[in-house]
Amino acid sequence: MNRPYLLLLFMLVSGPAVGQFWHTDYKGAQSIAKAENKPILLVFQGSDWCAPCIKLDREVWTTEEFREYASSRWVMLKADFPRRSKNELGTDQAKANAALAERYNKNGIFPFVVVLDKEGHVLGETSYQKIGPEGYINLIESYTKQL
């Protein structure tokens, strides 16, 4: 098998796992959190307009260090609020994200990180910080110590 086919095969096999790392459905994430007895890490972002959101995604959420640690400890939930029409969410997803914002991000802060217990109660929250993957891991863990 030559290289282009191997690369395509790798992308097909690894692609779904990358997409599944972040959930977009609160009820689904909460069901998983209850079943696995894990807290939920909810991130509010503006993926195509918010510079700190883009930076946080690139420098923390997508790093191997963070992904490996987070995947076994938290249920990851992202509420995205894109502005460009090419990135527009479906009506149902946009409404679901707005409902999450009404409940957990009333001030409309972006990016905004909220750590929830499996029942949906807030354990801790923070806006953007320049602390890297290890810093966010430590911060989130500090919120979940009470569990």
C-alpha atoms as a PDB file:
ATOM      1  CA  MET A   1       0.000   0.000   0.000  1.00  0.00           C
ATOM      2  CA  ASN A   2       1.470   3.358  -0.909  1.00  0.00           C
ATOM      3  CA  ARG A   3       1.647   6.477   1.226  1.00  0.00           C
ATOM      4  CA  PRO A   4      -1.446   8.395   0.018  1.00  0.00           C
ATOM      5  CA  TYR A   5      -3.645   5.408   0.807  1.00  0.00           C
ATOM      6  CA  LEU A   6      -2.067   4.935   4.217  1.00  0.00           C
ATOM      7  CA  LEU A   7      -2.573   8.614   5.006  1.00  0.00           C
ATOM      8  CA  LEU A   8      -6.212   8.456   3.888  1.00  0.00           C
ATOM      9  CA  LEU A   9      -6.782   5.310   5.948  1.00  0.00           C
ATOM     10  CA  PHE A  10      -5.218   6.957   9.008  1.00  0.00           C
ATOM     11  CA  MET A  11      -7.411  10.045   8.596  1.00  0.00           C
ATOM     12  CA  LEU A  12     -10.549   7.930   8.258  1.00  0.00           C
ATOM     13  CA  VAL A  13      -9.726   5.856  11.317  1.00  0.00           C
ATOM     14  CA  SER A  14      -8.553   8.715  13.543  1.00  0.00           C
ATOM     15  CA  GLY A  15     -11.004  11.363  12.329  1.00  0.00           C
ATOM     16  CA  PRO A  16     -14.102  10.059  14.137  1.00  0.00           C
ATOM     17  CA  ALA A  17     -12.223   9.753  17.430  1.00  0.00           C
ATOM     18  CA  VAL A  18     -11.171  13.393  17.227  1.00  0.00           C
ATOM     19  CA  GLY A  19     -14.736  14.488  16.521  1.00  0.00           C
ATOM     20  CA  GLN A  20     -16.126  12.377  19.341  1.00  0.00           C
ATOM     21  CA  PHE A  21     -13.818  13.925  21.930  1.00  0.00           C
ATOM     22  CA  TRP A  22     -16.122  16.949  22.233  1.00  0.00           C
ATOM     23  CA  HIS A  23     -19.847  16.466  22.645  1.00  0.00           C
ATOM     24  CA  THR A  24     -22.347  19.077  21.521  1.00  0.00           C
ATOM     25  CA  ASP A  25     -25.482  17.639  23.137  1.00  0.00           C
ATOM     26  CA  TYR A  26     -25.915  18.483  26.829  1.00  0.00           C
ATOM     27  CA  LYS A  27     -28.342  15.669  27.609  1.00  0.00           C
ATOM     28  CA  GLY A  28     -26.117  13.136  25.900  1.00  0.00           C
ATOM     29  CA  ALA A  29     -23.050  14.422  27.743  1.00  0.00           C
ATOM     30  CA  GLN A  30     -24.931  14.336  31.029  1.00  0.00           C
ATOM     31  CA  SER A  31     -26.032  10.724  30.418  1.00  0.00           C
ATOM     32  CA  ILE A  32     -22.426   9.728  29.820  1.00  0.00           C
ATOM     33  CA  ALA A  33     -21.305  11.666  32.911  1.00  0.00           C
ATOM     34  CA  LYS A  34     -23.852   9.830  35.052  1.00  0.00           C
ATOM     35  CA  ALA A  35     -23.037   6.427  33.577  1.00  0.00           C
ATOM     36  CA  GLU A  36     -19.268   6.919  33.977  1.00  0.00           C
ATOM     37  CA  ASN A  37     -19.436   9.026  37.160  1.00  0.00           C
ATOM     38  CA  LYS A  38     -17.469  11.890  35.591  1.00  0.00           C
ATOM     39  CA  PRO A  39     -17.781  15.665  35.755  1.00  0.00           C
ATOM     40  CA  ILE A  40     -18.598  17.653  32.629  1.00  0.00           C
ATOM     41  CA  LEU A  41     -16.222  20.240  31.212  1.00  0.00           C
ATOM     42  CA  LEU A  42     -18.392  22.769  29.348  1.00  0.00           C
ATOM     43  CA  VAL A  43     -16.638  25.265  27.086  1.00  0.00           C
ATOM     44  CA  PHE A  44     -18.355  28.281  25.523  1.00  0.00           C
ATOM     45  CA  GLN A  45     -16.524  29.489  22.456  1.00  0.00           C
ATOM     46  CA  GLY A  46     -16.817  31.587  19.338  1.00  0.00           C
ATOM     47  CA  SER A  47     -14.800  29.372  17.038  1.00  0.00           C
ATOM     48  CA  ASP A  48     -14.552  31.742  14.101  1.00  0.00           C
ATOM     49  CA  TRP A  49     -14.435  35.208  15.662  1.00  0.00           C
ATOM     50  CA  CYS A  50     -13.071  35.023  19.224  1.00  0.00           C
ATOM     51  CA  ALA A  51      -9.255  35.220  19.165  1.00  0.00           C
ATOM     52  CA  PRO A  52      -8.784  33.910  22.740  1.00  0.00           C
ATOM     53  CA  CYS A  53     -11.186  31.015  21.927  1.00  0.00           C
ATOM     54  CA  ILE A  54      -9.167  30.079  18.860  1.00  0.00           C
ATOM     55  CA  LYS A  55      -5.931  30.354  20.835  1.00  0.00           C
ATOM     56  CA  LEU A  56      -7.318  28.236  23.698  1.00  0.00           C
ATOM     57  CA  ASP A  57      -8.491  25.597  21.240  1.00  0.00           C
ATOM     58  CA  ARG A  58      -5.112  25.498  19.492  1.00  0.00           C
ATOM     59  CA  GLU A  59      -2.885  25.735  22.574  1.00  0.00           C
ATOM     60  CA  VAL A  60      -4.870  23.702  25.096  1.00  0.00           C
ATOM     61  CA  TRP A  61      -7.917  21.712  23.967  1.00  0.00           C
ATOM     62  CA  THR A  62      -6.305  20.096  20.924  1.00  0.00           C
ATOM     63  CA  THR A  63      -2.944  19.291  22.490  1.00  0.00           C
ATOM     64  CA  GLU A  64      -2.101  15.656  22.985  1.00  0.00           C
ATOM     65  CA  GLU A  65      -1.284  16.302  26.659  1.00  0.00           C
ATOM     66  CA  PHE A  66      -4.727  17.727  27.379  1.00  0.00           C
ATOM     67  CA  ARG A  67      -6.648  15.242  25.231  1.00  0.00           C
ATOM     68  CA  GLU A  68      -5.013  12.208  26.822  1.00  0.00           C
ATOM     69  CA  TYR A  69      -5.641  13.451  30.337  1.00  0.00           C
ATOM     70  CA  ALA A  70      -9.164  14.766  29.768  1.00  0.00           C
ATOM     71  CA  SER A  71     -10.557  11.798  27.843  1.00  0.00           C
ATOM     72  CA  SER A  72     -10.363   9.506  30.859  1.00  0.00           C
ATOM     73  CA  ARG A  73     -11.504  12.019  33.495  1.00  0.00           C
ATOM     74  CA  TRP A  74     -14.150  14.362  32.101  1.00  0.00           C
ATOM     75  CA  VAL A  75     -16.991  14.448  29.632  1.00  0.00           C
ATOM     76  CA  MET A  76     -16.148  17.240  27.217  1.00  0.00           C
ATOM     77  CA  LEU A  77     -18.998  19.485  26.032  1.00  0.00           C
ATOM     78  CA  LYS A  78     -18.597  22.431  23.678  1.00  0.00           C
ATOM     79  CA  ALA A  79     -21.152  25.173  23.043  1.00  0.00           C
ATOM     80  CA  ASP A  80     -20.001  27.040  19.957  1.00  0.00           C
ATOM     81  CA  PHE A  81     -21.315  30.414  18.798  1.00  0.00           C
ATOM     82  CA  PRO A  82     -19.844  30.973  15.319  1.00  0.00           C
ATOM     83  CA  ARG A  83     -20.682  34.185  13.438  1.00  0.00           C
ATOM     84  CA  ARG A  84     -19.675  33.418   9.864  1.00  0.00           C
ATOM     85  CA  SER A  85     -22.471  32.050   7.721  1.00  0.00           C
ATOM     86  CA  LYS A  86     -20.290  29.219   6.403  1.00  0.00           C
ATOM     87  CA  ASN A  87     -19.912  27.954  10.003  1.00  0.00           C
ATOM     88  CA  GLU A  88     -23.544  28.462  10.956  1.00  0.00           C
ATOM     89  CA  LEU A  89     -24.980  25.832  13.255  1.00  0.00           C
ATOM     90  CA  GLY A  90     -28.263  24.086  12.639  1.00  0.00           C
ATOM     91  CA  THR A  91     -31.309  25.643  14.259  1.00  0.00           C
ATOM     92  CA  ASP A  92     -31.615  22.940  16.918  1.00  0.00           C
ATOM     93  CA  GLN A  93     -27.938  23.153  17.883  1.00  0.00           C
ATOM     94  CA  ALA A  94     -28.027  26.950  17.990  1.00  0.00           C
ATOM     95  CA  LYS A  95     -31.078  26.829  20.291  1.00  0.00           C
ATOM     96  CA  ALA A  96     -29.456  24.197  22.505  1.00  0.00           C
ATOM     97  CA  ASN A  97     -26.287  26.289  22.822  1.00  0.00           C
ATOM     98  CA  ALA A  98     -28.324  29.405  23.608  1.00  0.00           C
ATOM     99  CA  ALA A  99     -30.146  27.487  26.353  1.00  0.00           C
ATOM    100  CA  LEU A 100     -26.808  26.402  27.824  1.00  0.00           C
ATOM    101  CA  ALA A 101     -25.592  30.008  27.727  1.00  0.00           C
ATOM    102  CA  GLU A 102     -28.767  31.206  29.444  1.00  0.00           C
ATOM    103  CA  ARG A 103     -28.153  28.712  32.222  1.00  0.00           C
ATOM    104  CA  TYR A 104     -24.364  28.749  32.609  1.00  0.00           C
ATOM    105  CA  ASN A 105     -23.002  31.852  30.828  1.00  0.00           C
ATOM    106  CA  LYS A 106     -25.502  34.668  31.370  1.00  0.00           C
ATOM    107  CA  ASN A 107     -22.833  37.345  30.906  1.00  0.00           C
ATOM    108  CA  GLY A 108     -21.820  36.060  27.465  1.00  0.00           C
ATOM    109  CA  ILE A 109     -18.137  35.633  28.253  1.00  0.00           C
ATOM    110  CA  PHE A 110     -15.981  34.007  25.543  1.00  0.00           C
ATOM    111  CA  PRO A 111     -14.188  31.774  26.047  1.00  0.00           C
ATOM    112  CA  PHE A 112     -15.796  30.561  29.233  1.00  0.00           C
ATOM    113  CA  VAL A 113     -15.096  27.256  30.942  1.00  0.00           C
ATOM    114  CA  VAL A 114     -17.599  25.739  33.366  1.00  0.00           C
ATOM    115  CA  VAL A 115     -17.038  22.520  35.285  1.00  0.00           C
ATOM    116  CA  LEU A 116     -20.249  20.723  36.208  1.00  0.00           C
ATOM    117  CA  ASP A 117     -20.981  17.693  38.314  1.00  0.00           C
ATOM    118  CA  LYS A 118     -22.939  14.883  36.665  1.00  0.00           C
ATOM    119  CA  GLU A 119     -26.205  16.485  37.827  1.00  0.00           C
ATOM    120  CA  GLY A 120     -25.380  19.805  36.142  1.00  0.00           C
ATOM    121  CA  HIS A 121     -24.405  21.796  39.248  1.00  0.00           C
ATOM    122  CA  VAL A 122     -21.525  24.237  38.795  1.00  0.00           C
ATOM    123  CA  LEU A 123     -18.296  23.194  40.509  1.00  0.00           C
ATOM    124  CA  GLY A 124     -16.155  26.002  39.116  1.00  0.00           C
ATOM    125  CA  GLU A 125     -15.771  28.404  36.232  1.00  0.00           C
ATOM    126  CA  THR A 126     -13.146  30.533  34.585  1.00  0.00           C
ATOM    127  CA  SER A 127     -12.610  32.786  31.621  1.00  0.00           C
ATOM    128  CA  TYR A 128      -9.501  32.697  29.437  1.00  0.00           C
ATOM    129  CA  GLN A 129      -6.171  32.305  31.214  1.00  0.00           C
ATOM    130  CA  LYS A 130      -2.672  32.036  29.757  1.00  0.00           C
ATOM    131  CA  ILE A 131      -1.766  28.863  31.630  1.00  0.00           C
ATOM    132  CA  GLY A 132      -1.352  26.166  28.949  1.00  0.00           C
ATOM    133  CA  PRO A 133      -2.562  22.557  29.011  1.00  0.00           C
ATOM    134  CA  GLU A 134      -1.033  21.632  32.360  1.00  0.00           C
ATOM    135  CA  GLY A 135      -2.419  24.781  33.960  1.00  0.00           C
ATOM    136  CA  TYR A 136      -5.941  24.055  32.724  1.00  0.00           C
ATOM    137  CA  ILE A 137      -5.675  20.439  33.846  1.00  0.00           C
ATOM    138  CA  ASN A 138      -4.671  21.587  37.344  1.00  0.00           C
ATOM    139  CA  LEU A 139      -7.380  24.251  37.449  1.00  0.00           C
ATOM    140  CA  ILE A 140     -10.131  21.866  36.367  1.00  0.00           C
ATOM    141  CA  GLU A 141      -8.912  19.220  38.784  1.00  0.00           C
ATOM    142  CA  SER A 142      -9.062  21.773  41.608  1.00  0.00           C
ATOM    143  CA  TYR A 143     -12.771  22.255  40.852  1.00  0.00           C
ATOM    144  CA  THR A 144     -13.463  18.510  40.869  1.00  0.00           C
ATOM    145  CA  LYS A 145     -11.665  17.695  44.141  1.00  0.00           C
ATOM    146  CA  GLN A 146     -14.918  18.128  46.040  1.00  0.00           C
ATOM    147  CA  LEU A 147     -16.485  15.156  44.208  1.00  0.00           C
END
